Amino acid sequence: MSAPKLTAQEMRALAALLDRPTRTSAAAAVGITERTLRRWMRKPAFAAALREAQHEIVRETSSRLIAASGKAVTALLLVMVNKDAPPAARVAASKAVLEHAQRAYELGAVDERLGALEATKKVCR
C-alpha cells in the first residue's frame, strides 16, 4: 500500500513550514488560512511528510556540525594555549574542552554498554 501523495499546494505548505518562522507566515506564503494549514498538519500523510523533511534537515545539520567539529576543537585549543589571549578566554576554552571531552567519554561508555547489551540479546534468542 503506497502513501497518499500530497497536492502541489500541500507541498508548497510543507516547504513554507520548513522555511518560515511561524505557521501564520507559512500559511500566508502559500495563500491559505492558518486553520487550513493546521487541518493539513493533522492529516497523516502531511504530518509524516513534514516529520521526514524535518528529520532530514536535522540529519544534514548534524553531518555539517560533525564535519566542522575538528576545526572547532582546533580553535578552542589555540585559544587555550595562546599566552596573549585574555585569561577569561583561556579559561572558557579550557572549560569547553574539558566538558566536551567528558561528554564524549560518557557517550562512548554508553555506546559500549549498549553494544554489549545488544550482543547479549542476540545470544539469548
PDB file of N, CA and C in Angstrom:
ATOM      1  N   MET A   1       0.848  -1.179   0.000  1.00  0.00           N
ATOM      2  CA  MET A   1       0.000   0.000   0.000  1.00  0.00           C
ATOM      3  C   MET A   1       0.891   1.240   0.000  1.00  0.00           C
ATOM      4  N   SER A   2       0.739   2.094  -1.001  1.00  0.00           N
ATOM      5  CA  SER A   2       1.586   3.277  -1.092  1.00  0.00           C
ATOM      6  C   SER A   2       0.951   4.440  -0.346  1.00  0.00           C
ATOM      7  N   ALA A   3       1.834   5.337   0.119  1.00  0.00           N
ATOM      8  CA  ALA A   3       1.361   6.503   0.869  1.00  0.00           C
ATOM      9  C   ALA A   3       0.658   7.463  -0.082  1.00  0.00           C
ATOM     10  N   PRO A   4      -0.403   8.110   0.405  1.00  0.00           N
ATOM     11  CA  PRO A   4      -1.098   9.079  -0.437  1.00  0.00           C
ATOM     12  C   PRO A   4      -0.168  10.238  -0.793  1.00  0.00           C
ATOM     13  N   LYS A   5      -0.304  10.732  -1.982  1.00  0.00           N
ATOM     14  CA  LYS A   5       0.516  11.845  -2.449  1.00  0.00           C
ATOM     15  C   LYS A   5      -0.044  13.161  -1.928  1.00  0.00           C
ATOM     16  N   LEU A   6       0.845  14.121  -1.743  1.00  0.00           N
ATOM     17  CA  LEU A   6       0.417  15.458  -1.354  1.00  0.00           C
ATOM     18  C   LEU A   6       0.110  16.262  -2.605  1.00  0.00           C
ATOM     19  N   THR A   7      -0.821  17.187  -2.488  1.00  0.00           N
ATOM     20  CA  THR A   7      -1.121  18.076  -3.607  1.00  0.00           C
ATOM     21  C   THR A   7       0.022  19.074  -3.760  1.00  0.00           C
ATOM     22  N   ALA A   8       0.021  19.759  -4.874  1.00  0.00           N
ATOM     23  CA  ALA A   8       1.061  20.783  -5.107  1.00  0.00           C
ATOM     24  C   ALA A   8       0.996  21.864  -4.036  1.00  0.00           C
ATOM     25  N   GLN A   9      -0.209  22.264  -3.663  1.00  0.00           N
ATOM     26  CA  GLN A   9      -0.350  23.312  -2.644  1.00  0.00           C
ATOM     27  C   GLN A   9       0.116  22.808  -1.271  1.00  0.00           C
ATOM     28  N   GLU A  10      -0.153  21.531  -0.972  1.00  0.00           N
ATOM     29  CA  GLU A  10       0.332  20.953   0.279  1.00  0.00           C
ATOM     30  C   GLU A  10       1.860  20.884   0.285  1.00  0.00           C
ATOM     31  N   MET A  11       2.442  20.573  -0.864  1.00  0.00           N
ATOM     32  CA  MET A  11       3.905  20.545  -0.959  1.00  0.00           C
ATOM     33  C   MET A  11       4.489  21.944  -0.719  1.00  0.00           C
ATOM     34  N   ARG A  12       3.834  22.966  -1.267  1.00  0.00           N
ATOM     35  CA  ARG A  12       4.291  24.346  -1.031  1.00  0.00           C
ATOM     36  C   ARG A  12       4.159  24.707   0.450  1.00  0.00           C
ATOM     37  N   ALA A  13       3.079  24.242   1.070  1.00  0.00           N
ATOM     38  CA  ALA A  13       2.881  24.494   2.501  1.00  0.00           C
ATOM     39  C   ALA A  13       3.960  23.797   3.329  1.00  0.00           C
ATOM     40  N   LEU A  14       4.291  22.590   2.937  1.00  0.00           N
ATOM     41  CA  LEU A  14       5.353  21.848   3.612  1.00  0.00           C
ATOM     42  C   LEU A  14       6.667  22.624   3.535  1.00  0.00           C
ATOM     43  N   ALA A  15       7.010  23.088   2.350  1.00  0.00           N
ATOM     44  CA  ALA A  15       8.239  23.871   2.172  1.00  0.00           C
ATOM     45  C   ALA A  15       8.190  25.158   2.987  1.00  0.00           C
ATOM     46  N   ALA A  16       7.037  25.798   3.020  1.00  0.00           N
ATOM     47  CA  ALA A  16       6.903  27.046   3.779  1.00  0.00           C
ATOM     48  C   ALA A  16       7.064  26.787   5.276  1.00  0.00           C
ATOM     49  N   LEU A  17       6.530  25.675   5.772  1.00  0.00           N
ATOM     50  CA  LEU A  17       6.682  25.343   7.193  1.00  0.00           C
ATOM     51  C   LEU A  17       8.148  25.146   7.565  1.00  0.00           C
ATOM     52  N   LEU A  18       8.928  24.634   6.627  1.00  0.00           N
ATOM     53  CA  LEU A  18      10.350  24.414   6.884  1.00  0.00           C
ATOM     54  C   LEU A  18      11.160  25.697   6.778  1.00  0.00           C
ATOM     55  N   ASP A  19      10.619  26.659   6.032  1.00  0.00           N
ATOM     56  CA  ASP A  19      11.361  27.882   5.733  1.00  0.00           C
ATOM     57  C   ASP A  19      10.939  29.081   6.566  1.00  0.00           C
ATOM     58  N   ARG A  20       9.718  29.102   7.029  1.00  0.00           N
ATOM     59  CA  ARG A  20       9.170  30.272   7.720  1.00  0.00           C
ATOM     60  C   ARG A  20       9.223  30.080   9.230  1.00  0.00           C
ATOM     61  N   PRO A  21       9.311  31.186   9.987  1.00  0.00           N
ATOM     62  CA  PRO A  21       9.424  31.068  11.448  1.00  0.00           C
ATOM     63  C   PRO A  21       8.122  30.712  12.163  1.00  0.00           C
ATOM     64  N   THR A  22       6.975  30.951  11.539  1.00  0.00           N
ATOM     65  CA  THR A  22       5.703  30.663  12.201  1.00  0.00           C
ATOM     66  C   THR A  22       4.743  29.994  11.223  1.00  0.00           C
ATOM     67  N   ARG A  23       3.737  29.337  11.798  1.00  0.00           N
ATOM     68  CA  ARG A  23       2.697  28.736  10.959  1.00  0.00           C
ATOM     69  C   ARG A  23       1.913  29.821  10.231  1.00  0.00           C
ATOM     70  N   THR A  24       1.702  30.929  10.910  1.00  0.00           N
ATOM     71  CA  THR A  24       0.952  32.028  10.306  1.00  0.00           C
ATOM     72  C   THR A  24       1.656  32.518   9.050  1.00  0.00           C
ATOM     73  N   SER A  25       2.975  32.723   9.148  1.00  0.00           N
ATOM     74  CA  SER A  25       3.700  33.212   7.974  1.00  0.00           C
ATOM     75  C   SER A  25       3.801  32.142   6.892  1.00  0.00           C
ATOM     76  N   ALA A  26       3.860  30.868   7.295  1.00  0.00           N
ATOM     77  CA  ALA A  26       3.891  29.782   6.310  1.00  0.00           C
ATOM     78  C   ALA A  26       2.571  29.733   5.538  1.00  0.00           C
ATOM     79  N   ALA A  27       1.476  29.833   6.265  1.00  0.00           N
ATOM     80  CA  ALA A  27       0.159  29.809   5.610  1.00  0.00           C
ATOM     81  C   ALA A  27       0.011  30.995   4.658  1.00  0.00           C
ATOM     82  N   ALA A  28       0.417  32.167   5.109  1.00  0.00           N
ATOM     83  CA  ALA A  28       0.314  33.368   4.267  1.00  0.00           C
ATOM     84  C   ALA A  28       1.158  33.221   3.005  1.00  0.00           C
ATOM     85  N   ALA A  29       2.322  32.618   3.134  1.00  0.00           N
ATOM     86  CA  ALA A  29       3.206  32.458   1.977  1.00  0.00           C
ATOM     87  C   ALA A  29       2.585  31.568   0.909  1.00  0.00           C
ATOM     88  N   VAL A  30       1.754  30.641   1.331  1.00  0.00           N
ATOM     89  CA  VAL A  30       1.119  29.705   0.409  1.00  0.00           C
ATOM     90  C   VAL A  30      -0.236  30.220  -0.066  1.00  0.00           C
ATOM     91  N   GLY A  31      -0.782  31.192   0.647  1.00  0.00           N
ATOM     92  CA  GLY A  31      -2.083  31.729   0.271  1.00  0.00           C
ATOM     93  C   GLY A  31      -3.246  30.942   0.844  1.00  0.00           C
ATOM     94  N   ILE A  32      -3.031  30.346   2.016  1.00  0.00           N
ATOM     95  CA  ILE A  32      -4.102  29.613   2.687  1.00  0.00           C
ATOM     96  C   ILE A  32      -4.264  30.189   4.089  1.00  0.00           C
ATOM     97  N   THR A  33      -5.351  29.795   4.744  1.00  0.00           N
ATOM     98  CA  THR A  33      -5.542  30.251   6.121  1.00  0.00           C
ATOM     99  C   THR A  33      -4.733  29.363   7.064  1.00  0.00           C
ATOM    100  N   GLU A  34      -4.462  29.910   8.225  1.00  0.00           N
ATOM    101  CA  GLU A  34      -3.753  29.116   9.229  1.00  0.00           C
ATOM    102  C   GLU A  34      -4.591  27.912   9.661  1.00  0.00           C
ATOM    103  N   ARG A  35      -5.891  28.078   9.655  1.00  0.00           N
ATOM    104  CA  ARG A  35      -6.793  26.980  10.005  1.00  0.00           C
ATOM    105  C   ARG A  35      -6.648  25.827   9.018  1.00  0.00           C
ATOM    106  N   THR A  36      -6.570  26.163   7.738  1.00  0.00           N
ATOM    107  CA  THR A  36      -6.367  25.123   6.720  1.00  0.00           C
ATOM    108  C   THR A  36      -5.036  24.420   6.935  1.00  0.00           C
ATOM    109  N   LEU A  37      -4.016  25.193   7.228  1.00  0.00           N
ATOM    110  CA  LEU A  37      -2.697  24.603   7.460  1.00  0.00           C
ATOM    111  C   LEU A  37      -2.739  23.660   8.662  1.00  0.00           C
ATOM    112  N   ARG A  38      -3.368  24.078   9.726  1.00  0.00           N
ATOM    113  CA  ARG A  38      -3.484  23.208  10.907  1.00  0.00           C
ATOM    114  C   ARG A  38      -4.243  21.922  10.570  1.00  0.00           C
ATOM    115  N   ARG A  39      -5.281  22.059   9.751  1.00  0.00           N
ATOM    116  CA  ARG A  39      -6.057  20.873   9.343  1.00  0.00           C
ATOM    117  C   ARG A  39      -5.172  19.922   8.542  1.00  0.00           C
ATOM    118  N   TRP A  40      -4.402  20.469   7.613  1.00  0.00           N
ATOM    119  CA  TRP A  40      -3.492  19.634   6.823  1.00  0.00           C
ATOM    120  C   TRP A  40      -2.459  18.953   7.725  1.00  0.00           C
ATOM    121  N   MET A  41      -1.999  19.675   8.732  1.00  0.00           N
ATOM    122  CA  MET A  41      -0.983  19.119   9.613  1.00  0.00           C
ATOM    123  C   MET A  41      -1.508  17.944  10.431  1.00  0.00           C
ATOM    124  N   ARG A  42      -2.811  17.815  10.546  1.00  0.00           N
ATOM    125  CA  ARG A  42      -3.417  16.669  11.237  1.00  0.00           C
ATOM    126  C   ARG A  42      -3.597  15.466  10.302  1.00  0.00           C
ATOM    127  N   LYS A  43      -3.480  15.682   9.003  1.00  0.00           N
ATOM    128  CA  LYS A  43      -3.608  14.584   8.050  1.00  0.00           C
ATOM    129  C   LYS A  43      -2.362  13.700   8.154  1.00  0.00           C
ATOM    130  N   PRO A  44      -2.536  12.394   8.293  1.00  0.00           N
ATOM    131  CA  PRO A  44      -1.382  11.504   8.469  1.00  0.00           C
ATOM    132  C   PRO A  44      -0.306  11.639   7.382  1.00  0.00           C
ATOM    133  N   ALA A  45      -0.707  11.738   6.141  1.00  0.00           N
ATOM    134  CA  ALA A  45       0.282  11.825   5.058  1.00  0.00           C
ATOM    135  C   ALA A  45       1.082  13.124   5.145  1.00  0.00           C
ATOM    136  N   PHE A  46       0.391  14.215   5.418  1.00  0.00           N
ATOM    137  CA  PHE A  46       1.067  15.512   5.521  1.00  0.00           C
ATOM    138  C   PHE A  46       1.983  15.520   6.745  1.00  0.00           C
ATOM    139  N   ALA A  47       1.467  15.042   7.872  1.00  0.00           N
ATOM    140  CA  ALA A  47       2.261  15.010   9.098  1.00  0.00           C
ATOM    141  C   ALA A  47       3.506  14.149   8.920  1.00  0.00           C
ATOM    142  N   ALA A  48       3.358  13.015   8.243  1.00  0.00           N
ATOM    143  CA  ALA A  48       4.501  12.130   8.004  1.00  0.00           C
ATOM    144  C   ALA A  48       5.532  12.796   7.096  1.00  0.00           C
ATOM    145  N   ALA A  49       5.061  13.460   6.058  1.00  0.00           N
ATOM    146  CA  ALA A  49       5.982  14.150   5.139  1.00  0.00           C
ATOM    147  C   ALA A  49       6.710  15.283   5.858  1.00  0.00           C
ATOM    148  N   LEU A  50       6.005  16.009   6.718  1.00  0.00           N
ATOM    149  CA  LEU A  50       6.631  17.086   7.479  1.00  0.00           C
ATOM    150  C   LEU A  50       7.680  16.529   8.431  1.00  0.00           C
ATOM    151  N   ARG A  51       7.341  15.457   9.144  1.00  0.00           N
ATOM    152  CA  ARG A  51       8.307  14.825  10.063  1.00  0.00           C
ATOM    153  C   ARG A  51       9.550  14.359   9.320  1.00  0.00           C
ATOM    154  N   GLU A  52       9.356  13.715   8.190  1.00  0.00           N
ATOM    155  CA  GLU A  52      10.502  13.214   7.421  1.00  0.00           C
ATOM    156  C   GLU A  52      11.376  14.372   6.933  1.00  0.00           C
ATOM    157  N   ALA A  53      10.752  15.437   6.455  1.00  0.00           N
ATOM    158  CA  ALA A  53      11.526  16.602   5.997  1.00  0.00           C
ATOM    159  C   ALA A  53      12.291  17.233   7.160  1.00  0.00           C
ATOM    160  N   GLN A  54      11.663  17.323   8.320  1.00  0.00           N
ATOM    161  CA  GLN A  54      12.343  17.878   9.494  1.00  0.00           C
ATOM    162  C   GLN A  54      13.500  16.986   9.922  1.00  0.00           C
ATOM    163  N   HIS A  55      13.285  15.675   9.899  1.00  0.00           N
ATOM    164  CA  HIS A  55      14.365  14.748  10.253  1.00  0.00           C
ATOM    165  C   HIS A  55      15.528  14.870   9.280  1.00  0.00           C
ATOM    166  N   GLU A  56      15.228  15.052   8.012  1.00  0.00           N
ATOM    167  CA  GLU A  56      16.293  15.196   7.021  1.00  0.00           C
ATOM    168  C   GLU A  56      17.105  16.462   7.289  1.00  0.00           C
ATOM    169  N   ILE A  57      16.439  17.532   7.663  1.00  0.00           N
ATOM    170  CA  ILE A  57      17.157  18.772   7.993  1.00  0.00           C
ATOM    171  C   ILE A  57      18.061  18.547   9.200  1.00  0.00           C
ATOM    172  N   VAL A  58      17.559  17.851  10.205  1.00  0.00           N
ATOM    173  CA  VAL A  58      18.361  17.572  11.398  1.00  0.00           C
ATOM    174  C   VAL A  58      19.558  16.689  11.037  1.00  0.00           C
ATOM    175  N   ARG A  59      19.340  15.684  10.193  1.00  0.00           N
ATOM    176  CA  ARG A  59      20.448  14.818   9.772  1.00  0.00           C
ATOM    177  C   ARG A  59      21.510  15.617   9.028  1.00  0.00           C
ATOM    178  N   GLU A  60      21.082  16.485   8.127  1.00  0.00           N
ATOM    179  CA  GLU A  60      22.026  17.302   7.365  1.00  0.00           C
ATOM    180  C   GLU A  60      22.780  18.251   8.286  1.00  0.00           C
ATOM    181  N   THR A  61      22.065  18.878   9.202  1.00  0.00           N
ATOM    182  CA  THR A  61      22.700  19.792  10.143  1.00  0.00           C
ATOM    183  C   THR A  61      23.712  19.049  11.008  1.00  0.00           C
ATOM    184  N   SER A  62      23.336  17.877  11.485  1.00  0.00           N
ATOM    185  CA  SER A  62      24.247  17.075  12.307  1.00  0.00           C
ATOM    186  C   SER A  62      25.509  16.715  11.532  1.00  0.00           C
ATOM    187  N   SER A  63      25.356  16.339  10.287  1.00  0.00           N
ATOM    188  CA  SER A  63      26.509  15.998   9.457  1.00  0.00           C
ATOM    189  C   SER A  63      27.450  17.193   9.305  1.00  0.00           C
ATOM    190  N   ARG A  64      26.874  18.358   9.081  1.00  0.00           N
ATOM    191  CA  ARG A  64      27.692  19.565   8.931  1.00  0.00           C
ATOM    192  C   ARG A  64      28.407  19.919  10.237  1.00  0.00           C
ATOM    193  N   LEU A  65      27.716  19.761  11.363  1.00  0.00           N
ATOM    194  CA  LEU A  65      28.348  20.038  12.656  1.00  0.00           C
ATOM    195  C   LEU A  65      29.493  19.071  12.938  1.00  0.00           C
ATOM    196  N   ILE A  66      29.273  17.802  12.642  1.00  0.00           N
ATOM    197  CA  ILE A  66      30.321  16.811  12.844  1.00  0.00           C
ATOM    198  C   ILE A  66      31.525  17.142  11.969  1.00  0.00           C
ATOM    199  N   ALA A  67      31.275  17.502  10.726  1.00  0.00           N
ATOM    200  CA  ALA A  67      32.376  17.847   9.818  1.00  0.00           C
ATOM    201  C   ALA A  67      33.159  19.060  10.307  1.00  0.00           C
ATOM    202  N   ALA A  68      32.487  20.008  10.947  1.00  0.00           N
ATOM    203  CA  ALA A  68      33.149  21.230  11.421  1.00  0.00           C
ATOM    204  C   ALA A  68      33.773  21.072  12.809  1.00  0.00           C
ATOM    205  N   SER A  69      33.486  19.980  13.485  1.00  0.00           N
ATOM    206  CA  SER A  69      33.925  19.842  14.873  1.00  0.00           C
ATOM    207  C   SER A  69      35.445  19.826  15.024  1.00  0.00           C
ATOM    208  N   GLY A  70      36.154  19.271  14.070  1.00  0.00           N
ATOM    209  CA  GLY A  70      37.624  19.269  14.145  1.00  0.00           C
ATOM    210  C   GLY A  70      38.189  20.680  14.170  1.00  0.00           C
ATOM    211  N   LYS A  71      37.648  21.539  13.318  1.00  0.00           N
ATOM    212  CA  LYS A  71      38.099  22.936  13.294  1.00  0.00           C
ATOM    213  C   LYS A  71      37.733  23.653  14.585  1.00  0.00           C
ATOM    214  N   ALA A  72      36.573  23.324  15.145  1.00  0.00           N
ATOM    215  CA  ALA A  72      36.145  23.953  16.395  1.00  0.00           C
ATOM    216  C   ALA A  72      37.083  23.566  17.538  1.00  0.00           C
ATOM    217  N   VAL A  73      37.472  22.303  17.587  1.00  0.00           N
ATOM    218  CA  VAL A  73      38.406  21.858  18.625  1.00  0.00           C
ATOM    219  C   VAL A  73      39.752  22.550  18.448  1.00  0.00           C
ATOM    220  N   THR A  74      40.208  22.650  17.215  1.00  0.00           N
ATOM    221  CA  THR A  74      41.474  23.351  16.956  1.00  0.00           C
ATOM    222  C   THR A  74      41.398  24.795  17.435  1.00  0.00           C
ATOM    223  N   ALA A  75      40.293  25.474  17.150  1.00  0.00           N
ATOM    224  CA  ALA A  75      40.136  26.868  17.582  1.00  0.00           C
ATOM    225  C   ALA A  75      40.153  26.958  19.109  1.00  0.00           C
ATOM    226  N   LEU A  76      39.445  26.056  19.781  1.00  0.00           N
ATOM    227  CA  LEU A  76      39.442  26.061  21.243  1.00  0.00           C
ATOM    228  C   LEU A  76      40.846  25.838  21.798  1.00  0.00           C
ATOM    229  N   LEU A  77      41.548  24.875  21.233  1.00  0.00           N
ATOM    230  CA  LEU A  77      42.907  24.580  21.706  1.00  0.00           C
ATOM    231  C   LEU A  77      43.850  25.751  21.468  1.00  0.00           C
ATOM    232  N   LEU A  78      43.707  26.423  20.325  1.00  0.00           N
ATOM    233  CA  LEU A  78      44.560  27.581  20.047  1.00  0.00           C
ATOM    234  C   LEU A  78      44.326  28.711  21.053  1.00  0.00           C
ATOM    235  N   VAL A  79      43.074  28.951  21.392  1.00  0.00           N
ATOM    236  CA  VAL A  79      42.764  29.978  22.397  1.00  0.00           C
ATOM    237  C   VAL A  79      43.288  29.537  23.763  1.00  0.00           C
ATOM    238  N   MET A  80      43.111  28.285  24.078  1.00  0.00           N
ATOM    239  CA  MET A  80      43.506  27.748  25.375  1.00  0.00           C
ATOM    240  C   MET A  80      45.003  27.913  25.639  1.00  0.00           C
ATOM    241  N   VAL A  81      45.818  27.728  24.611  1.00  0.00           N
ATOM    242  CA  VAL A  81      47.277  27.796  24.799  1.00  0.00           C
ATOM    243  C   VAL A  81      47.881  29.141  24.414  1.00  0.00           C
ATOM    244  N   ASN A  82      47.074  30.062  23.921  1.00  0.00           N
ATOM    245  CA  ASN A  82      47.566  31.364  23.484  1.00  0.00           C
ATOM    246  C   ASN A  82      47.864  32.241  24.697  1.00  0.00           C
ATOM    247  N   LYS A  83      49.146  32.485  24.944  1.00  0.00           N
ATOM    248  CA  LYS A  83      49.559  33.294  26.100  1.00  0.00           C
ATOM    249  C   LYS A  83      49.078  34.738  25.993  1.00  0.00           C
ATOM    250  N   ASP A  84      48.794  35.207  24.777  1.00  0.00           N
ATOM    251  CA  ASP A  84      48.329  36.586  24.583  1.00  0.00           C
ATOM    252  C   ASP A  84      46.809  36.735  24.703  1.00  0.00           C
ATOM    253  N   ALA A  85      46.099  35.607  24.755  1.00  0.00           N
ATOM    254  CA  ALA A  85      44.647  35.666  24.891  1.00  0.00           C
ATOM    255  C   ALA A  85      44.284  36.086  26.313  1.00  0.00           C
ATOM    256  N   PRO A  86      43.195  36.786  26.481  1.00  0.00           N
ATOM    257  CA  PRO A  86      42.774  37.166  27.839  1.00  0.00           C
ATOM    258  C   PRO A  86      42.575  35.915  28.700  1.00  0.00           C
ATOM    259  N   PRO A  87      42.921  35.991  29.963  1.00  0.00           N
ATOM    260  CA  PRO A  87      42.760  34.822  30.843  1.00  0.00           C
ATOM    261  C   PRO A  87      41.338  34.259  30.832  1.00  0.00           C
ATOM    262  N   ALA A  88      40.340  35.122  30.782  1.00  0.00           N
ATOM    263  CA  ALA A  88      38.952  34.635  30.765  1.00  0.00           C
ATOM    264  C   ALA A  88      38.691  33.787  29.522  1.00  0.00           C
ATOM    265  N   ALA A  89      39.236  34.176  28.394  1.00  0.00           N
ATOM    266  CA  ALA A  89      39.056  33.405  27.164  1.00  0.00           C
ATOM    267  C   ALA A  89      39.769  32.062  27.264  1.00  0.00           C
ATOM    268  N   ARG A  90      40.957  32.047  27.845  1.00  0.00           N
ATOM    269  CA  ARG A  90      41.712  30.796  28.004  1.00  0.00           C
ATOM    270  C   ARG A  90      40.987  29.843  28.939  1.00  0.00           C
ATOM    271  N   VAL A  91      40.432  30.392  30.033  1.00  0.00           N
ATOM    272  CA  VAL A  91      39.683  29.561  30.974  1.00  0.00           C
ATOM    273  C   VAL A  91      38.417  29.019  30.310  1.00  0.00           C
ATOM    274  N   ALA A  92      37.713  29.883  29.585  1.00  0.00           N
ATOM    275  CA  ALA A  92      36.485  29.440  28.908  1.00  0.00           C
ATOM    276  C   ALA A  92      36.801  28.342  27.891  1.00  0.00           C
ATOM    277  N   ALA A  93      37.873  28.493  27.136  1.00  0.00           N
ATOM    278  CA  ALA A  93      38.249  27.473  26.153  1.00  0.00           C
ATOM    279  C   ALA A  93      38.632  26.181  26.860  1.00  0.00           C
ATOM    280  N   SER A  94      39.388  26.279  27.938  1.00  0.00           N
ATOM    281  CA  SER A  94      39.784  25.086  28.700  1.00  0.00           C
ATOM    282  C   SER A  94      38.559  24.366  29.252  1.00  0.00           C
ATOM    283  N   LYS A  95      37.628  25.134  29.803  1.00  0.00           N
ATOM    284  CA  LYS A  95      36.410  24.552  30.357  1.00  0.00           C
ATOM    285  C   LYS A  95      35.603  23.849  29.267  1.00  0.00           C
ATOM    286  N   ALA A  96      35.485  24.476  28.103  1.00  0.00           N
ATOM    287  CA  ALA A  96      34.744  23.867  26.992  1.00  0.00           C
ATOM    288  C   ALA A  96      35.396  22.557  26.566  1.00  0.00           C
ATOM    289  N   VAL A  97      36.720  22.532  26.465  1.00  0.00           N
ATOM    290  CA  VAL A  97      37.426  21.311  26.069  1.00  0.00           C
ATOM    291  C   VAL A  97      37.157  20.201  27.078  1.00  0.00           C
ATOM    292  N   LEU A  98      37.290  20.526  28.373  1.00  0.00           N
ATOM    293  CA  LEU A  98      37.058  19.513  29.404  1.00  0.00           C
ATOM    294  C   LEU A  98      35.625  19.000  29.399  1.00  0.00           C
ATOM    295  N   GLU A  99      34.655  19.900  29.290  1.00  0.00           N
ATOM    296  CA  GLU A  99      33.251  19.486  29.289  1.00  0.00           C
ATOM    297  C   GLU A  99      32.927  18.592  28.101  1.00  0.00           C
ATOM    298  N   HIS A 100      33.417  18.966  26.944  1.00  0.00           N
ATOM    299  CA  HIS A 100      33.130  18.168  25.749  1.00  0.00           C
ATOM    300  C   HIS A 100      33.876  16.840  25.776  1.00  0.00           C
ATOM    301  N   ALA A 101      35.067  16.831  26.331  1.00  0.00           N
ATOM    302  CA  ALA A 101      35.811  15.572  26.448  1.00  0.00           C
ATOM    303  C   ALA A 101      35.070  14.620  27.379  1.00  0.00           C
ATOM    304  N   GLN A 102      34.570  15.147  28.494  1.00  0.00           N
ATOM    305  CA  GLN A 102      33.812  14.321  29.436  1.00  0.00           C
ATOM    306  C   GLN A 102      32.555  13.758  28.773  1.00  0.00           C
ATOM    307  N   ARG A 103      31.841  14.597  28.052  1.00  0.00           N
ATOM    308  CA  ARG A 103      30.629  14.158  27.372  1.00  0.00           C
ATOM    309  C   ARG A 103      30.950  13.078  26.327  1.00  0.00           C
ATOM    310  N   ALA A 104      32.029  13.277  25.589  1.00  0.00           N
ATOM    311  CA  ALA A 104      32.418  12.283  24.581  1.00  0.00           C
ATOM    312  C   ALA A 104      32.767  10.954  25.240  1.00  0.00           C
ATOM    313  N   TYR A 105      33.477  11.031  26.359  1.00  0.00           N
ATOM    314  CA  TYR A 105      33.823   9.804  27.088  1.00  0.00           C
ATOM    315  C   TYR A 105      32.557   9.081  27.553  1.00  0.00           C
ATOM    316  N   GLU A 106      31.626   9.843  28.135  1.00  0.00           N
ATOM    317  CA  GLU A 106      30.380   9.249  28.631  1.00  0.00           C
ATOM    318  C   GLU A 106      29.573   8.623  27.498  1.00  0.00           C
ATOM    319  N   LEU A 107      29.484   9.310  26.365  1.00  0.00           N
ATOM    320  CA  LEU A 107      28.752   8.751  25.227  1.00  0.00           C
ATOM    321  C   LEU A 107      29.417   7.479  24.719  1.00  0.00           C
ATOM    322  N   GLY A 108      30.740   7.466  24.713  1.00  0.00           N
ATOM    323  CA  GLY A 108      31.465   6.259  24.302  1.00  0.00           C
ATOM    324  C   GLY A 108      31.180   5.099  25.236  1.00  0.00           C
ATOM    325  N   ALA A 109      31.155   5.376  26.542  1.00  0.00           N
ATOM    326  CA  ALA A 109      30.870   4.330  27.526  1.00  0.00           C
ATOM    327  C   ALA A 109      29.452   3.801  27.357  1.00  0.00           C
ATOM    328  N   VAL A 110      28.493   4.685  27.152  1.00  0.00           N
ATOM    329  CA  VAL A 110      27.103   4.263  26.941  1.00  0.00           C
ATOM    330  C   VAL A 110      27.003   3.424  25.667  1.00  0.00           C
ATOM    331  N   ASP A 111      27.690   3.852  24.616  1.00  0.00           N
ATOM    332  CA  ASP A 111      27.663   3.109  23.356  1.00  0.00           C
ATOM    333  C   ASP A 111      28.224   1.705  23.541  1.00  0.00           C
ATOM    334  N   GLU A 112      29.316   1.577  24.307  1.00  0.00           N
ATOM    335  CA  GLU A 112      29.895   0.258  24.582  1.00  0.00           C
ATOM    336  C   GLU A 112      28.915  -0.619  25.349  1.00  0.00           C
ATOM    337  N   ARG A 113      28.289  -0.047  26.379  1.00  0.00           N
ATOM    338  CA  ARG A 113      27.339  -0.814  27.178  1.00  0.00           C
ATOM    339  C   ARG A 113      26.140  -1.244  26.341  1.00  0.00           C
ATOM    340  N   LEU A 114      25.652  -0.354  25.505  1.00  0.00           N
ATOM    341  CA  LEU A 114      24.530  -0.684  24.634  1.00  0.00           C
ATOM    342  C   LEU A 114      24.916  -1.801  23.673  1.00  0.00           C
ATOM    343  N   GLY A 115      26.110  -1.714  23.121  1.00  0.00           N
ATOM    344  CA  GLY A 115      26.588  -2.767  22.222  1.00  0.00           C
ATOM    345  C   GLY A 115      26.660  -4.113  22.917  1.00  0.00           C
ATOM    346  N   ALA A 116      27.140  -4.114  24.178  1.00  0.00           N
ATOM    347  CA  ALA A 116      27.217  -5.355  24.939  1.00  0.00           C
ATOM    348  C   ALA A 116      25.823  -5.912  25.215  1.00  0.00           C
ATOM    349  N   LEU A 117      24.882  -5.038  25.562  1.00  0.00           N
ATOM    350  CA  LEU A 117      23.505  -5.493  25.800  1.00  0.00           C
ATOM    351  C   LEU A 117      22.876  -6.055  24.530  1.00  0.00           C
ATOM    352  N   GLU A 118      23.119  -5.411  23.405  1.00  0.00           N
ATOM    353  CA  GLU A 118      22.557  -5.905  22.149  1.00  0.00           C
ATOM    354  C   GLU A 118      23.157  -7.257  21.793  1.00  0.00           C
ATOM    355  N   ALA A 119      24.448  -7.424  22.037  1.00  0.00           N
ATOM    356  CA  ALA A 119      25.094  -8.705  21.761  1.00  0.00           C
ATOM    357  C   ALA A 119      24.517  -9.794  22.656  1.00  0.00           C
ATOM    358  N   THR A 120      24.273  -9.471  23.904  1.00  0.00           N
ATOM    359  CA  THR A 120      23.666 -10.438  24.835  1.00  0.00           C
ATOM    360  C   THR A 120      22.274 -10.824  24.381  1.00  0.00           C
ATOM    361  N   LYS A 121      21.520  -9.853  23.926  1.00  0.00           N
ATOM    362  CA  LYS A 121      20.157 -10.105  23.457  1.00  0.00           C
ATOM    363  C   LYS A 121      20.180 -11.063  22.268  1.00  0.00           C
ATOM    364  N   LYS A 122      21.135 -10.891  21.360  1.00  0.00           N
ATOM    365  CA  LYS A 122      21.222 -11.763  20.189  1.00  0.00           C
ATOM    366  C   LYS A 122      21.568 -13.185  20.589  1.00  0.00           C
ATOM    367  N   VAL A 123      22.425 -13.332  21.600  1.00  0.00           N
ATOM    368  CA  VAL A 123      22.822 -14.649  22.055  1.00  0.00           C
ATOM    369  C   VAL A 123      21.644 -15.367  22.701  1.00  0.00           C
ATOM    370  N   CYS A 124      20.782 -14.614  23.400  1.00  0.00           N
ATOM    371  CA  CYS A 124      19.643 -15.206  24.102  1.00  0.00           C
ATOM    372  C   CYS A 124      18.546 -15.652  23.158  1.00  0.00           C
ATOM    373  N   ARG A 125      18.540 -15.242  21.952  1.00  0.00           N
ATOM    374  CA  ARG A 125      17.460 -15.602  21.016  1.00  0.00           C
ATOM    375  C   ARG A 125      17.556 -17.014  20.572  1.00  0.00           C
TER     376      ARG A 125
END
